[in-house]
Protein backbone atom coordinates (compact mmCIF):
# COMPACT_ATOMS: atom_id res chain seq x y z
CA MET A 1 -33.60 -57.86 20.21
CA GLY A 2 -30.92 -56.27 22.24
CA ARG A 3 -28.72 -55.99 19.17
CA LYS A 4 -31.75 -54.52 17.08
CA LYS A 5 -32.20 -51.89 19.68
CA GLN A 6 -28.51 -51.29 19.71
CA ALA A 7 -28.50 -50.99 16.10
CA LYS A 8 -31.33 -48.41 15.96
CA VAL A 9 -29.73 -46.36 18.73
CA GLY A 10 -26.49 -46.45 16.56
CA MET A 11 -28.56 -45.45 13.45
CA LYS A 12 -30.17 -42.43 15.58
CA GLU A 13 -26.78 -41.39 16.79
CA GLY A 14 -25.46 -41.44 13.25
CA PHE A 15 -28.32 -39.62 11.89
CA ARG A 16 -27.89 -36.98 14.64
CA TYR A 17 -24.30 -36.69 14.00
CA TYR A 18 -24.50 -36.11 10.26
CA PHE A 19 -27.40 -33.90 10.85
CA LEU A 20 -25.50 -31.57 13.43
CA CYS A 21 -22.65 -31.32 11.01
CA PHE A 22 -24.94 -30.34 8.19
CA LEU A 23 -26.50 -27.54 10.46
CA LEU A 24 -22.88 -26.33 11.45
CA LEU A 25 -21.77 -26.23 8.01
CA PHE A 26 -24.43 -24.73 6.10
CA PHE A 27 -26.62 -22.71 8.70
CA PRO A 28 -23.94 -19.84 8.69
CA LEU A 29 -23.63 -19.74 5.09
CA LEU A 30 -27.35 -19.30 4.96
CA PHE A 31 -27.59 -16.78 7.63
CA SER A 32 -24.63 -14.88 6.28
CA SER A 33 -26.12 -14.39 2.61
CA ASP A 34 -29.39 -13.16 3.99
CA CYS A 35 -28.11 -10.65 6.51
CA ARG A 36 -24.89 -9.25 4.94
CA PRO A 37 -24.93 -6.28 2.74
CA LYS A 38 -26.02 -6.93 -0.85
CA ASN A 39 -23.10 -5.31 -2.42
CA LYS A 40 -23.71 -6.18 -6.14
CA PRO A 41 -21.72 -4.13 -8.64
CA PRO A 42 -23.67 -1.08 -10.28
CA PHE A 43 -24.80 -1.87 -13.85
CA PHE A 44 -25.48 0.68 -16.58
CA SER A 45 -26.53 0.59 -19.99
CA SER A 46 -27.07 2.93 -22.91
CA GLN A 47 -30.79 1.76 -22.62
CA GLN A 48 -31.31 2.47 -19.06
CA PRO A 49 -28.48 4.35 -17.35
CA TYR A 50 -29.68 4.08 -13.80
CA TYR A 51 -30.78 1.49 -11.19
CA ALA A 52 -32.68 1.89 -7.66
CA TYR A 53 -32.08 0.29 -4.54
CA PHE A 54 -34.56 0.17 -1.43
CA SER A 55 -33.99 -0.13 2.32
CA PRO A 56 -34.05 -1.84 4.60
CA GLN A 57 -33.99 -4.92 2.14
CA ASP A 58 -31.02 -3.56 0.39
CA SER A 59 -27.95 -2.15 2.21
CA LEU A 60 -27.87 1.32 0.89
CA TYR A 61 -25.03 2.50 2.75
CA ALA A 62 -22.72 -0.35 1.15
CA HIS A 63 -23.82 0.54 -2.25
CA LEU A 64 -22.85 4.29 -1.46
CA VAL A 65 -19.53 3.22 -0.19
CA ARG A 66 -18.66 1.24 -3.26
CA LEU A 67 -19.48 4.27 -5.45
CA ILE A 68 -17.18 6.39 -3.25
CA GLN A 69 -14.60 3.61 -3.28
CA GLU A 70 -14.52 3.59 -7.13
CA ALA A 71 -14.21 7.66 -7.36
CA GLU A 72 -10.98 8.70 -9.30
CA LYS A 73 -11.28 12.50 -9.46
CA SER A 74 -13.98 14.22 -7.56
CA ILE A 75 -16.81 13.78 -4.92
CA TYR A 76 -19.24 16.33 -4.32
CA ALA A 77 -21.75 15.39 -1.53
CA ALA A 78 -24.56 17.29 -0.06
CA PHE A 79 -26.16 15.38 3.06
CA TYR A 80 -28.70 16.72 5.44
CA LYS A 81 -27.17 14.33 7.90
CA LEU A 82 -23.89 12.07 7.80
CA GLU A 83 -23.70 9.74 10.69
CA LEU A 84 -22.44 6.45 9.38
CA LYS A 85 -18.76 5.89 10.04
CA GLU A 86 -18.65 3.41 6.84
CA VAL A 87 -19.66 6.38 4.66
CA SER A 88 -17.26 8.90 6.37
CA ASP A 89 -14.26 6.47 6.31
CA ALA A 90 -14.87 5.80 2.56
CA LEU A 91 -14.63 9.49 2.09
CA LEU A 92 -11.71 10.02 4.09
CA GLU A 93 -9.96 7.20 1.96
CA ALA A 94 -10.83 8.76 -1.24
CA HIS A 95 -9.37 12.15 0.04
CA LYS A 96 -6.17 10.05 0.99
CA ARG A 97 -5.75 8.62 -2.30
CA GLY A 98 -6.10 11.99 -4.07
CA VAL A 99 -9.74 12.26 -4.79
CA LYS A 100 -10.97 15.92 -4.50
CA VAL A 101 -13.91 15.72 -1.78
CA ARG A 102 -16.24 18.49 -0.71
CA ILE A 103 -19.05 18.00 1.63
CA PHE A 104 -22.10 20.41 2.38
CA SER A 105 -24.53 19.82 5.15
CA ASP A 106 -27.24 21.32 7.07
CA ASP A 107 -26.23 23.56 10.01
CA MET A 108 -28.23 22.01 12.82
CA THR A 109 -27.69 18.25 12.00
CA SER A 110 -24.01 19.07 11.47
CA ARG A 111 -23.70 19.73 15.36
CA GLY A 112 -25.42 16.64 16.33
CA GLU A 113 -23.91 14.03 18.56
CA LYS A 114 -23.58 11.34 15.89
CA SER A 115 -22.54 13.76 13.11
CA ARG A 116 -19.20 12.60 11.37
CA LEU A 117 -18.60 16.09 9.82
CA ASP A 118 -16.19 17.59 12.52
CA SER A 119 -13.78 14.70 12.00
CA LEU A 120 -13.81 15.22 8.43
CA ASN A 121 -13.27 18.74 8.46
CA LYS A 122 -9.96 18.32 9.75
CA PHE A 123 -8.82 16.79 6.40
CA PHE A 124 -10.85 18.31 3.61
CA PRO A 125 -13.56 21.32 3.34
CA VAL A 126 -16.68 20.90 5.02
CA LYS A 127 -19.60 23.50 4.99
CA THR A 128 -22.92 24.03 6.32
CA ASP A 129 -25.71 26.44 5.36
CA LYS A 130 -26.33 29.62 7.54
CA ASP A 131 -30.09 29.72 7.52
CA PRO A 132 -31.53 28.15 10.87
CA ALA A 133 -35.15 28.69 9.40
CA SER A 134 -34.88 26.21 6.84
CA PHE A 135 -33.10 22.95 5.88
CA MET A 136 -30.40 21.99 3.54
CA HIS A 137 -32.43 18.71 2.85
CA HIS A 138 -30.31 17.35 -0.01
CA LYS A 139 -29.25 13.69 0.04
CA PHE A 140 -27.13 13.50 -3.16
CA CYS A 141 -23.29 12.47 -4.15
CA VAL A 142 -21.79 13.13 -7.42
CA ILE A 143 -19.00 11.00 -8.54
CA ASP A 144 -16.41 11.94 -11.10
CA GLY A 145 -18.63 14.42 -12.71
CA LYS A 146 -20.56 11.53 -14.23
CA ILE A 147 -22.57 9.55 -11.66
CA VAL A 148 -25.45 10.83 -9.41
CA TRP A 149 -26.64 9.16 -6.16
CA THR A 150 -29.89 10.80 -4.74
CA GLY A 151 -33.28 10.04 -3.26
CA SER A 152 -34.70 9.90 0.19
CA PHE A 153 -31.72 8.21 2.28
CA ASN A 154 -29.87 9.97 4.87
CA PRO A 155 -26.46 8.12 5.78
CA THR A 156 -27.43 7.11 9.18
CA TYR A 157 -28.00 3.87 10.89
CA SER A 158 -31.67 4.07 11.05
CA GLY A 159 -31.82 5.40 7.55
CA PHE A 160 -30.45 1.99 6.13
CA SER A 161 -31.40 -0.61 8.72
CA ARG A 162 -34.89 0.53 9.94
CA GLU A 163 -36.53 2.97 7.60
CA ASN A 164 -38.09 2.53 4.21
CA ASN A 165 -35.97 4.57 1.74
CA ASN A 166 -35.02 4.79 -1.79
CA ALA A 167 -31.84 5.58 -3.75
CA VAL A 168 -31.54 6.19 -7.42
CA VAL A 169 -28.14 6.11 -9.15
CA ILE A 170 -27.65 7.72 -12.47
CA MET A 171 -24.82 7.71 -15.10
CA SER A 172 -25.20 10.72 -16.79
CA SER A 173 -22.62 13.63 -17.21
CA LEU A 174 -25.41 16.23 -18.09
CA VAL A 175 -27.42 15.21 -14.75
CA ALA A 176 -24.13 15.40 -12.97
CA ALA A 177 -23.66 18.53 -14.22
CA GLN A 178 -26.92 20.04 -12.91
CA PHE A 179 -26.17 18.64 -9.44
CA ILE A 180 -22.60 20.09 -9.25
CA GLU A 181 -24.31 23.35 -10.20
CA GLU A 182 -26.56 23.15 -7.19
CA PHE A 183 -23.56 22.00 -5.17
CA GLU A 184 -21.58 25.21 -6.04
CA ARG A 185 -24.78 27.43 -5.41
CA LEU A 186 -24.62 25.91 -1.92
CA TRP A 187 -21.05 26.26 -1.38
CA GLU A 188 -20.83 29.99 -2.39
CA GLY A 189 -24.01 30.77 -0.38
CA GLU A 190 -25.98 31.88 -3.29
CA LEU A 191 -29.18 33.31 -2.13
CA LEU A 192 -32.16 32.28 -4.39
CA SER A 193 -35.86 32.72 -4.37
CA PRO A 194 -38.26 30.02 -5.78
CA GLY A 195 -38.40 30.11 -9.70
CA PRO A 196 -42.00 30.79 -11.17
CA THR A 197 -41.84 27.80 -13.25
CA PRO A 198 -40.26 24.61 -13.38
CA SER A 199 -37.15 23.90 -15.40
CA PRO A 200 -37.99 23.05 -19.15
CA VAL A 201 -34.57 21.24 -19.69
CA LEU A 202 -35.41 17.55 -20.86
CA LEU A 203 -31.83 15.87 -20.19
CA GLU A 204 -30.65 12.61 -21.79
CA SER A 205 -32.85 9.36 -21.20
CA GLY A 206 -35.93 11.16 -20.26
CA ILE A 207 -34.65 12.83 -16.96
CA LYS A 208 -35.52 16.06 -15.69
CA VAL A 209 -33.98 17.65 -12.61
CA TYR A 210 -35.36 20.41 -10.38
CA PHE A 211 -34.01 22.20 -7.24
CA SER A 212 -36.14 24.17 -4.82
CA LEU A 213 -35.56 27.94 -4.68
CA HIS A 214 -34.00 27.81 -8.37
CA HIS A 215 -36.77 25.93 -9.89
CA ASN A 216 -40.17 25.03 -8.80
CA PRO A 217 -40.45 21.43 -7.96
CA GLN A 218 -44.28 21.68 -6.80
CA GLU A 219 -45.26 22.95 -10.14
CA ALA A 220 -43.27 20.16 -11.86
CA ILE A 221 -45.06 17.55 -9.62
CA LEU A 222 -48.43 19.08 -10.77
CA GLN A 223 -47.84 19.07 -14.50
CA SER A 224 -46.75 15.46 -14.22
CA LEU A 225 -49.88 14.49 -12.40
CA GLU A 226 -52.08 16.39 -14.64
CA LYS A 227 -50.84 14.17 -17.68
CA ALA A 228 -51.75 10.93 -15.68
CA LYS A 229 -53.86 8.60 -17.90
CA GLU A 230 -54.27 5.67 -15.85
CA SER A 231 -52.76 5.33 -12.34
CA ILE A 232 -50.93 7.64 -9.73
CA TYR A 233 -49.00 5.79 -6.67
CA PHE A 234 -47.55 7.85 -4.12
CA ALA A 235 -45.32 7.05 -0.90
CA LEU A 236 -44.61 10.28 1.13
CA PHE A 237 -43.06 11.03 4.41
CA THR A 238 -44.84 14.28 4.80
CA PHE A 239 -47.70 15.52 2.66
CA THR A 240 -49.15 18.86 3.34
CA SER A 241 -49.40 20.56 -0.23
CA GLN A 242 -53.01 21.57 -0.77
CA GLU A 243 -52.26 22.08 -4.50
CA ILE A 244 -51.00 18.61 -4.85
CA ALA A 245 -53.70 17.19 -3.03
CA GLN A 246 -56.31 18.90 -5.17
CA ALA A 247 -54.75 17.57 -8.35
CA ILE A 248 -55.05 14.05 -6.90
CA ILE A 249 -58.42 14.49 -6.04
CA HIS A 250 -59.25 15.66 -9.47
CA LYS A 251 -57.51 12.70 -11.00
CA PHE A 252 -59.55 10.67 -8.76
CA ALA A 253 -62.82 12.14 -10.14
CA GLU A 254 -61.50 11.31 -13.51
CA ASN A 255 -61.47 7.39 -12.62
CA ILE A 256 -57.67 7.26 -12.48
CA GLU A 257 -56.30 4.65 -10.10
CA ILE A 258 -54.98 6.37 -7.02
CA LYS A 259 -52.98 4.68 -4.28
CA GLY A 260 -50.93 6.56 -1.35
CA ILE A 261 -49.06 5.74 1.43
CA LEU A 262 -48.19 8.28 4.26
CA GLU A 263 -45.85 8.26 7.35
CA LYS A 264 -48.23 8.11 10.34
CA ASN A 265 -45.88 9.94 12.62
CA GLN A 266 -46.45 12.92 10.33
CA ASP A 267 -50.03 13.30 10.91
CA GLY A 268 -50.96 16.70 11.97
CA PRO A 269 -53.43 19.60 11.11
CA PHE A 270 -51.86 20.03 7.71
CA SER A 271 -51.49 16.53 6.63
CA ARG A 272 -53.34 15.97 3.57
CA PHE A 273 -54.40 12.09 4.57
CA HIS A 274 -57.66 12.92 6.25
CA SER A 275 -59.04 15.35 3.37
CA LEU A 276 -58.13 12.60 0.77
CA LYS A 277 -59.63 10.04 3.17
CA ARG A 278 -62.84 11.73 3.64
CA LEU A 279 -63.30 11.68 -0.25
CA ARG A 280 -62.64 8.08 -0.28
CA VAL A 281 -59.37 8.33 -2.03
CA PRO A 282 -57.47 5.22 -1.21
CA VAL A 283 -54.67 6.36 1.19
CA ARG A 284 -53.04 4.38 4.08
CA TRP A 285 -50.90 4.91 6.73
CA ASP A 286 -47.75 3.04 6.85
CA ARG A 287 -47.15 0.25 9.30
CA ASN A 288 -43.33 0.59 9.81
CA PHE A 289 -42.49 1.22 13.52
CA TYR A 290 -39.92 3.42 12.57
CA PHE A 291 -40.17 5.79 9.39
CA MET A 292 -41.66 5.41 6.07
CA HIS A 293 -39.29 7.88 4.74
CA HIS A 294 -39.91 7.51 1.04
CA LYS A 295 -40.83 10.70 -1.24
CA PHE A 296 -41.76 9.12 -4.49
CA PHE A 297 -44.66 9.02 -7.02
CA ILE A 298 -45.33 6.56 -9.91
CA ILE A 299 -47.38 7.76 -12.80
CA ASP A 300 -48.93 5.27 -15.34
CA GLN A 301 -46.49 2.69 -14.49
CA LYS A 302 -43.68 4.67 -16.58
CA ILE A 303 -42.71 7.73 -14.75
CA VAL A 304 -41.01 8.04 -11.49
CA ILE A 305 -40.66 11.23 -9.34
CA THR A 306 -38.14 10.92 -6.39
CA GLY A 307 -35.46 12.88 -4.52
CA SER A 308 -35.26 14.72 -1.29
CA PHE A 309 -38.35 16.67 -1.74
CA ASN A 310 -41.57 16.36 0.21
CA PRO A 311 -44.89 17.95 -0.99
CA THR A 312 -44.99 20.71 1.41
CA TRP A 313 -44.71 24.61 1.64
CA HIS A 314 -41.37 24.59 3.26
CA ALA A 315 -39.78 22.15 0.74
CA ASN A 316 -40.74 24.37 -2.15
CA TYR A 317 -40.30 27.76 -0.66
CA SER A 318 -37.84 27.59 2.06
CA ASN A 319 -35.69 24.35 2.07
CA ARG A 320 -32.78 23.41 -0.31
CA GLU A 321 -34.06 20.25 -2.10
CA ASN A 322 -33.83 18.29 -5.05
CA LEU A 323 -36.67 16.40 -7.37
CA ILE A 324 -35.81 14.22 -10.23
CA ILE A 325 -38.31 12.96 -12.78
CA ILE A 326 -37.35 9.92 -14.90
CA TYR A 327 -39.43 8.36 -17.80
CA SER A 328 -38.58 4.46 -17.65
CA PRO A 329 -41.19 1.83 -17.51
CA SER A 330 -38.58 -0.78 -16.02
CA LEU A 331 -37.54 1.69 -13.33
CA ALA A 332 -41.12 2.48 -12.55
CA SER A 333 -41.55 -1.28 -12.07
CA GLN A 334 -39.07 -1.35 -9.53
CA TYR A 335 -40.60 1.33 -7.43
CA GLU A 336 -44.08 -0.29 -7.92
CA GLU A 337 -42.89 -3.37 -6.55
CA GLU A 338 -41.48 -1.51 -3.39
CA PHE A 339 -44.72 0.37 -3.30
CA ASN A 340 -47.00 -2.81 -3.63
CA ARG A 341 -45.09 -4.42 -0.78
CA LEU A 342 -45.67 -1.32 1.55
CA TRP A 343 -49.33 -1.36 0.42
CA LYS A 344 -49.92 -4.98 1.30
CA GLU A 345 -48.01 -4.38 4.76
CA SER A 346 -50.07 -1.23 5.44
CA GLY A 347 -53.20 -3.33 5.67
CA PHE A 348 -56.44 -1.65 6.45
CA ASP A 349 -57.03 1.56 8.40
């Protein structure tokens, strides 16, 4: 009997030993694979020259850093904020290996305690806007005149680790040329007023690009919403535009499926949340303790509207913003997956 007990004890101790070895060996691997940045290489094809990422589940800064590291000739970056050391270090390294680097930013945020712009300005040109009444609100980067990074993401710690953001990366020399033109307008301090109509130019691969004060992004959104036949989903940080709210209400009256998620922190007297809610349009506040910082629409599961542009008066008539409209069912499905995840998390109001 004593030997049997001793044998059982020995078996238990052996099992514990091997189980502990298993945990020590495999747990760090499992943990690191979940938490380290997902830095898969960019993929483009002639059929779909773009891809999208979403935070916090994707490590947006790691993908931006990778693009900067692969730059060979030039980098034109217009960032409302630049606080991440990893991004600023990548820009500095690009400059050191001979890449032409220029950065434009907002005058107010560039003076922030966490801003990296002063340190970079010692090595290559950095400029800011001169209008304290408006924002230089862009979040784009153009690599080698052929790759454009844009969306809602500011290169900050909160932007990639806490907030809900999106970034779309486009391989197109035509799209890149449009963003470089906007960068040069910023760089030269060109004074503009809002264009009366949106840009009529359809670029390659079903892409249209708009810049506030040069085009009319709000009108572009209104025209896209008017064409909706089946569904309109939107995730917006700030939504105060009466015109866009009315367009959504009209589509809801036509039995078009409408769903919207708005940032609760932006509730205020001009928010369109309550007017939509009163008319039973399905809108919800987000549940992110930090920010739901998206600015995108999905129309008929095939059109994506994104960029830095919030549907507000200031975005259209005062700030420097970009809006990009992409016809792509496959890209729309990526954005819809993000929207559905947030919709499920938002629950009931």
